[in-house]
Amino acid sequence: MKKHIYAAIFFICSLSLDLITKYYAVTHIPLHERIDIAGSFIQFTLTYNRGGLFGIMQGYQSFFLILSLIVLALLILFYIFEKNKTYLFCNSIALIVGGAVGNIMDRISGREGVVDFISIGSDSFYRWPTFNIADAVIVIGAFLLIIVYYQDEKMKRLQKKAD
């Protein structure tokens, strides 16, 4: 039970941080204006993503809304039916779901698209596509889920050797 409470806290914190930072970005950063945070390496630049991951397929918001809702439902089912719910598993799913809900809320809010505002990189070398907190927590959650998977596989191999 305790691990589900921690997962709920991770979900609420990630979603809240995403919504608060997006609200701040929309109300305080002019569209496409760059605000340097750490030199020019980290910048806040308000953009609206009307497509998918990394801005692919711009203009297909409805498609990505439906896809996001399907993936969200599958993640929730995965969480419910997973037998080995470690703390890491629960918290990684909570982060992914929190980020997904944040981006889904943008898609259904009537805004021009998903609010992205964090820009990292060098203009002379490479600048990562602009993203938001929801995107960041989804990536962190997915990375943690990969760790869960490899830990699980390692335990299965050790049990197989012991048998």
Protein backbone atom coordinates (compact mmCIF):
# COMPACT_ATOMS: atom_id res chain seq x y z
CA MET A 1 0.00 0.00 0.00
CA LYS A 2 2.84 2.36 0.88
CA LYS A 3 4.34 2.11 -2.61
CA HIS A 4 1.01 3.20 -4.13
CA ILE A 5 0.95 6.27 -1.88
CA TYR A 6 4.47 7.18 -3.02
CA ALA A 7 3.40 6.64 -6.63
CA ALA A 8 0.40 8.94 -6.08
CA ILE A 9 2.75 11.58 -4.66
CA PHE A 10 5.07 11.24 -7.68
CA PHE A 11 2.08 11.53 -10.01
CA ILE A 12 0.66 14.62 -8.25
CA CYS A 13 4.05 16.35 -7.99
CA SER A 14 5.03 15.71 -11.63
CA LEU A 15 1.64 16.80 -12.95
CA SER A 16 1.52 19.88 -10.69
CA LEU A 17 5.05 20.95 -11.62
CA ASP A 18 4.20 20.54 -15.30
CA LEU A 19 0.98 22.56 -15.07
CA ILE A 20 2.55 25.32 -12.97
CA THR A 21 5.56 25.72 -15.27
CA LYS A 22 3.39 25.69 -18.39
CA TYR A 23 1.13 28.35 -16.86
CA TYR A 24 4.20 30.46 -16.05
CA ALA A 25 5.58 29.99 -19.57
CA VAL A 26 2.32 31.00 -21.24
CA THR A 27 1.80 34.05 -19.01
CA HIS A 28 5.39 35.31 -18.79
CA ILE A 29 7.28 34.32 -21.95
CA PRO A 30 6.41 35.97 -25.27
CA LEU A 31 5.93 33.47 -28.10
CA HIS A 32 9.25 32.41 -29.71
CA GLU A 33 11.27 34.87 -27.59
CA ARG A 34 14.40 33.39 -26.04
CA ILE A 35 15.24 34.00 -22.41
CA ASP A 36 18.74 32.87 -21.41
CA ILE A 37 18.85 30.90 -18.15
CA ALA A 38 22.38 29.47 -18.12
CA GLY A 39 24.11 31.51 -20.77
CA SER A 40 22.64 30.52 -24.10
CA PHE A 41 22.93 26.79 -23.31
CA ILE A 42 19.64 26.68 -21.37
CA GLN A 43 16.89 28.95 -22.63
CA PHE A 44 13.18 29.38 -22.12
CA THR A 45 11.44 29.72 -25.48
CA LEU A 46 7.66 29.46 -25.65
CA THR A 47 6.44 27.28 -28.52
CA TYR A 48 3.35 25.21 -29.19
CA ASN A 49 3.82 21.68 -30.46
CA ARG A 50 0.88 20.74 -32.70
CA GLY A 51 2.39 17.35 -33.44
CA GLY A 52 4.05 14.48 -31.65
CA LEU A 53 7.39 13.66 -30.11
CA PHE A 54 10.14 16.06 -31.26
CA GLY A 55 7.53 17.99 -33.24
CA ILE A 56 6.90 15.26 -35.82
CA MET A 57 3.69 15.31 -37.85
CA GLN A 58 2.73 18.91 -37.04
CA GLY A 59 -0.99 19.56 -37.29
CA TYR A 60 -2.12 16.08 -36.24
CA GLN A 61 -3.21 17.02 -32.71
CA SER A 62 -6.35 14.88 -32.79
CA PHE A 63 -4.36 11.83 -33.82
CA PHE A 64 -1.86 12.36 -31.02
CA LEU A 65 -4.63 13.02 -28.50
CA ILE A 66 -6.26 9.67 -29.35
CA LEU A 67 -2.87 7.91 -29.34
CA SER A 68 -2.01 9.49 -25.96
CA LEU A 69 -5.32 8.38 -24.44
CA ILE A 70 -4.80 4.81 -25.68
CA VAL A 71 -1.24 4.71 -24.30
CA LEU A 72 -2.45 6.20 -21.00
CA ALA A 73 -5.13 3.51 -20.69
CA LEU A 74 -2.58 0.78 -21.47
CA LEU A 75 -0.16 2.16 -18.85
CA ILE A 76 -2.88 2.18 -16.21
CA LEU A 77 -3.81 -1.43 -17.10
CA PHE A 78 -0.12 -2.39 -16.98
CA TYR A 79 0.11 -0.85 -13.51
CA ILE A 80 -3.03 -2.63 -12.30
CA PHE A 81 -2.14 -6.09 -13.62
CA GLU A 82 1.62 -6.11 -12.94
CA LYS A 83 2.31 -8.74 -10.29
CA ASN A 84 5.76 -7.52 -9.19
CA LYS A 85 5.03 -3.92 -8.18
CA THR A 86 8.31 -2.67 -6.75
CA TYR A 87 8.68 0.91 -5.54
CA LEU A 88 10.71 1.69 -8.64
CA PHE A 89 8.06 0.22 -10.94
CA CYS A 90 5.22 2.14 -9.26
CA ASN A 91 7.10 5.44 -9.27
CA SER A 92 8.27 5.09 -12.87
CA ILE A 93 4.72 4.46 -14.07
CA ALA A 94 3.51 7.38 -11.93
CA LEU A 95 6.00 9.72 -13.62
CA ILE A 96 5.06 8.54 -17.11
CA VAL A 97 1.34 8.86 -16.37
CA GLY A 98 1.82 12.29 -14.76
CA GLY A 99 3.64 13.55 -17.84
CA ALA A 100 1.13 11.98 -20.21
CA VAL A 101 -1.80 13.56 -18.36
CA GLY A 102 -0.07 16.97 -18.46
CA ASN A 103 0.38 16.81 -22.23
CA ILE A 104 -3.14 15.41 -22.75
CA MET A 105 -4.53 18.34 -20.75
CA ASP A 106 -2.74 20.72 -23.14
CA ARG A 107 -4.22 18.94 -26.15
CA ILE A 108 -7.79 19.20 -24.83
CA SER A 109 -7.44 22.70 -23.33
CA GLY A 110 -8.09 24.54 -26.59
CA ARG A 111 -4.52 25.90 -26.71
CA GLU A 112 -2.69 26.00 -30.01
CA GLY A 113 -0.82 22.84 -29.02
CA VAL A 114 1.25 21.34 -26.25
CA VAL A 115 3.18 24.07 -24.42
CA ASP A 116 6.94 23.56 -24.80
CA PHE A 117 9.42 26.05 -23.39
CA ILE A 118 12.71 24.46 -22.29
CA SER A 119 15.46 24.69 -24.88
CA ILE A 120 18.87 23.11 -24.26
CA GLY A 121 21.91 23.11 -26.49
CA SER A 122 24.16 25.27 -28.58
CA ASP A 123 22.93 27.17 -31.61
CA SER A 124 26.29 26.68 -33.29
CA PHE A 125 26.40 22.91 -32.64
CA TYR A 126 23.08 21.27 -31.71
CA ARG A 127 19.96 22.40 -29.89
CA TRP A 128 17.64 19.70 -28.54
CA PRO A 129 13.98 20.11 -29.60
CA THR A 130 12.10 22.35 -27.18
CA PHE A 131 10.31 20.37 -24.46
CA ASN A 132 8.41 20.74 -21.18
CA ILE A 133 8.39 19.19 -17.70
CA ALA A 134 5.86 16.53 -18.81
CA ASP A 135 8.25 15.39 -21.53
CA ALA A 136 11.13 15.29 -19.05
CA VAL A 137 9.27 13.20 -16.46
CA ILE A 138 8.05 10.81 -19.17
CA VAL A 139 11.67 10.24 -20.24
CA ILE A 140 12.84 9.82 -16.63
CA GLY A 141 9.97 7.40 -15.93
CA ALA A 142 10.73 5.40 -19.08
CA PHE A 143 14.42 5.21 -18.16
CA LEU A 144 13.49 3.97 -14.67
CA LEU A 145 11.11 1.42 -16.21
CA ILE A 146 13.99 0.08 -18.31
CA ILE A 147 16.00 -0.33 -15.10
CA VAL A 148 13.04 -2.20 -13.56
CA TYR A 149 12.93 -4.50 -16.58
CA TYR A 150 16.66 -5.27 -16.41
CA GLN A 151 16.49 -5.87 -12.65
CA ASP A 152 13.59 -8.25 -13.24
CA GLU A 153 15.48 -10.11 -15.96
CA LYS A 154 18.55 -10.36 -13.75
CA MET A 155 16.48 -11.85 -10.91
CA LYS A 156 14.90 -14.37 -13.30
CA ARG A 157 18.32 -15.47 -14.56
CA LEU A 158 19.61 -15.85 -11.00
CA GLN A 159 16.56 -17.91 -10.03
CA LYS A 160 16.98 -20.06 -13.13
CA LYS A 161 20.62 -20.75 -12.20
CA ALA A 162 19.61 -21.59 -8.63
CA ASP A 163 17.05 -24.16 -9.86
